[in-house]
Amino acid sequence: MDKYVCNVCGYVYDPAKGDPDNGIKPGTKFADLPDSWVCPDCGAGKEEFEKTE
């Protein structure tokens, strides 16, 4: 699964880990995150993320 990086702060969303502190289970693809999900480090929206190499 692809990882996505926040263009604002550099946080990397790793689908294998999810975001359990915010109710996102491991194995959740970035595309399947709710539109209301924001970066846990800086609060940026999903639109501020881009796929990493």
N, C-alpha and C. Protein backbone atom coordinates (compact mmCIF):
# COMPACT_ATOMS: atom_id res chain seq x y z
N MET A 1 0.84 -1.20 0.00
CA MET A 1 0.00 0.00 0.00
C MET A 1 0.89 1.25 0.00
N ASP A 2 0.41 2.26 -0.68
CA ASP A 2 1.17 3.49 -0.81
C ASP A 2 1.13 4.33 0.46
N LYS A 3 2.27 4.97 0.76
CA LYS A 3 2.36 5.90 1.87
C LYS A 3 2.15 7.30 1.32
N TYR A 4 1.64 8.19 2.17
CA TYR A 4 1.39 9.58 1.79
C TYR A 4 2.04 10.49 2.80
N VAL A 5 2.64 11.59 2.29
CA VAL A 5 3.35 12.53 3.15
C VAL A 5 2.61 13.86 3.18
N CYS A 6 2.56 14.48 4.36
CA CYS A 6 1.94 15.79 4.53
C CYS A 6 2.90 16.85 4.01
N ASN A 7 2.45 17.67 3.06
CA ASN A 7 3.28 18.72 2.50
C ASN A 7 3.51 19.87 3.49
N VAL A 8 2.74 19.93 4.56
CA VAL A 8 2.87 21.00 5.53
C VAL A 8 3.95 20.67 6.58
N CYS A 9 3.88 19.46 7.15
CA CYS A 9 4.79 19.15 8.26
C CYS A 9 5.69 17.93 8.05
N GLY A 10 5.43 17.14 7.00
CA GLY A 10 6.27 15.98 6.74
C GLY A 10 5.79 14.68 7.36
N TYR A 11 4.66 14.71 8.07
CA TYR A 11 4.10 13.47 8.64
C TYR A 11 3.83 12.48 7.51
N VAL A 12 4.15 11.21 7.72
CA VAL A 12 3.90 10.18 6.72
C VAL A 12 2.77 9.27 7.21
N TYR A 13 1.70 9.20 6.41
CA TYR A 13 0.62 8.26 6.71
C TYR A 13 1.00 6.91 6.11
N ASP A 14 1.13 5.91 6.96
CA ASP A 14 1.48 4.55 6.55
C ASP A 14 0.24 3.68 6.76
N PRO A 15 -0.37 3.21 5.66
CA PRO A 15 -1.59 2.41 5.78
C PRO A 15 -1.40 1.15 6.64
N ALA A 16 -0.20 0.60 6.65
CA ALA A 16 0.05 -0.59 7.46
C ALA A 16 -0.11 -0.31 8.95
N LYS A 17 0.15 0.94 9.35
CA LYS A 17 0.02 1.34 10.76
C LYS A 17 -1.31 2.01 11.05
N GLY A 18 -1.90 2.66 10.03
CA GLY A 18 -3.13 3.41 10.25
C GLY A 18 -2.86 4.62 11.14
N ASP A 19 -3.91 5.05 11.82
CA ASP A 19 -3.82 6.17 12.77
C ASP A 19 -4.71 5.81 13.95
N PRO A 20 -4.30 4.79 14.72
CA PRO A 20 -5.16 4.28 15.79
C PRO A 20 -5.56 5.31 16.84
N ASP A 21 -4.72 6.32 17.06
CA ASP A 21 -5.06 7.35 18.04
C ASP A 21 -6.29 8.15 17.60
N ASN A 22 -6.57 8.11 16.29
CA ASN A 22 -7.72 8.85 15.75
C ASN A 22 -8.76 7.92 15.13
N GLY A 23 -8.75 6.65 15.55
CA GLY A 23 -9.78 5.71 15.14
C GLY A 23 -9.60 5.09 13.77
N ILE A 24 -8.40 5.20 13.19
CA ILE A 24 -8.14 4.62 11.87
C ILE A 24 -7.36 3.32 12.07
N LYS A 25 -7.97 2.21 11.70
CA LYS A 25 -7.37 0.90 11.91
C LYS A 25 -6.22 0.65 10.95
N PRO A 26 -5.21 -0.13 11.39
CA PRO A 26 -4.15 -0.55 10.48
C PRO A 26 -4.75 -1.25 9.26
N GLY A 27 -4.15 -1.01 8.10
CA GLY A 27 -4.65 -1.59 6.86
C GLY A 27 -5.60 -0.69 6.10
N THR A 28 -5.88 0.52 6.64
CA THR A 28 -6.78 1.46 5.99
C THR A 28 -6.02 2.25 4.92
N LYS A 29 -6.44 2.10 3.66
CA LYS A 29 -5.81 2.84 2.56
C LYS A 29 -6.09 4.32 2.72
N PHE A 30 -5.16 5.15 2.20
CA PHE A 30 -5.34 6.60 2.28
C PHE A 30 -6.66 7.02 1.64
N ALA A 31 -6.98 6.43 0.49
CA ALA A 31 -8.21 6.77 -0.23
C ALA A 31 -9.46 6.45 0.59
N ASP A 32 -9.34 5.52 1.53
CA ASP A 32 -10.48 5.13 2.35
C ASP A 32 -10.62 5.92 3.64
N LEU A 33 -9.67 6.83 3.89
CA LEU A 33 -9.79 7.69 5.08
C LEU A 33 -11.00 8.60 4.91
N PRO A 34 -11.73 8.88 5.99
CA PRO A 34 -12.86 9.80 5.87
C PRO A 34 -12.39 11.20 5.47
N ASP A 35 -13.24 11.93 4.75
CA ASP A 35 -12.88 13.28 4.32
C ASP A 35 -12.58 14.20 5.49
N SER A 36 -13.11 13.86 6.65
CA SER A 36 -12.90 14.69 7.84
C SER A 36 -11.54 14.42 8.51
N TRP A 37 -10.82 13.39 8.06
CA TRP A 37 -9.53 13.06 8.67
C TRP A 37 -8.53 14.16 8.38
N VAL A 38 -7.72 14.51 9.38
CA VAL A 38 -6.67 15.52 9.23
C VAL A 38 -5.36 14.96 9.75
N CYS A 39 -4.27 15.58 9.34
CA CYS A 39 -2.94 15.18 9.79
C CYS A 39 -2.90 15.23 11.33
N PRO A 40 -2.49 14.12 11.96
CA PRO A 40 -2.46 14.12 13.43
C PRO A 40 -1.39 15.03 14.02
N ASP A 41 -0.40 15.44 13.22
CA ASP A 41 0.66 16.31 13.73
C ASP A 41 0.34 17.80 13.58
N CYS A 42 -0.25 18.19 12.42
CA CYS A 42 -0.43 19.63 12.19
C CYS A 42 -1.87 20.03 11.86
N GLY A 43 -2.75 19.06 11.63
CA GLY A 43 -4.15 19.38 11.37
C GLY A 43 -4.47 19.70 9.92
N ALA A 44 -3.51 19.50 9.00
CA ALA A 44 -3.77 19.75 7.58
C ALA A 44 -4.75 18.72 7.03
N GLY A 45 -5.54 19.13 6.06
CA GLY A 45 -6.51 18.23 5.45
C GLY A 45 -5.87 17.25 4.48
N LYS A 46 -6.65 16.27 4.04
CA LYS A 46 -6.15 15.25 3.12
C LYS A 46 -5.59 15.84 1.84
N GLU A 47 -6.11 17.00 1.43
CA GLU A 47 -5.66 17.61 0.18
C GLU A 47 -4.20 18.07 0.24
N GLU A 48 -3.65 18.14 1.45
CA GLU A 48 -2.25 18.56 1.62
C GLU A 48 -1.28 17.38 1.56
N PHE A 49 -1.78 16.18 1.30
CA PHE A 49 -0.94 14.99 1.25
C PHE A 49 -0.68 14.58 -0.18
N GLU A 50 0.50 14.01 -0.41
CA GLU A 50 0.79 13.42 -1.71
C GLU A 50 1.51 12.10 -1.54
N LYS A 51 1.33 11.23 -2.51
CA LYS A 51 1.93 9.89 -2.45
C LYS A 51 3.44 9.99 -2.48
N THR A 52 4.10 9.19 -1.62
CA THR A 52 5.55 9.17 -1.58
C THR A 52 6.07 8.11 -2.55
N GLU A 53 7.31 8.23 -2.89
CA GLU A 53 7.95 7.26 -3.81
C GLU A 53 8.31 6.00 -3.06
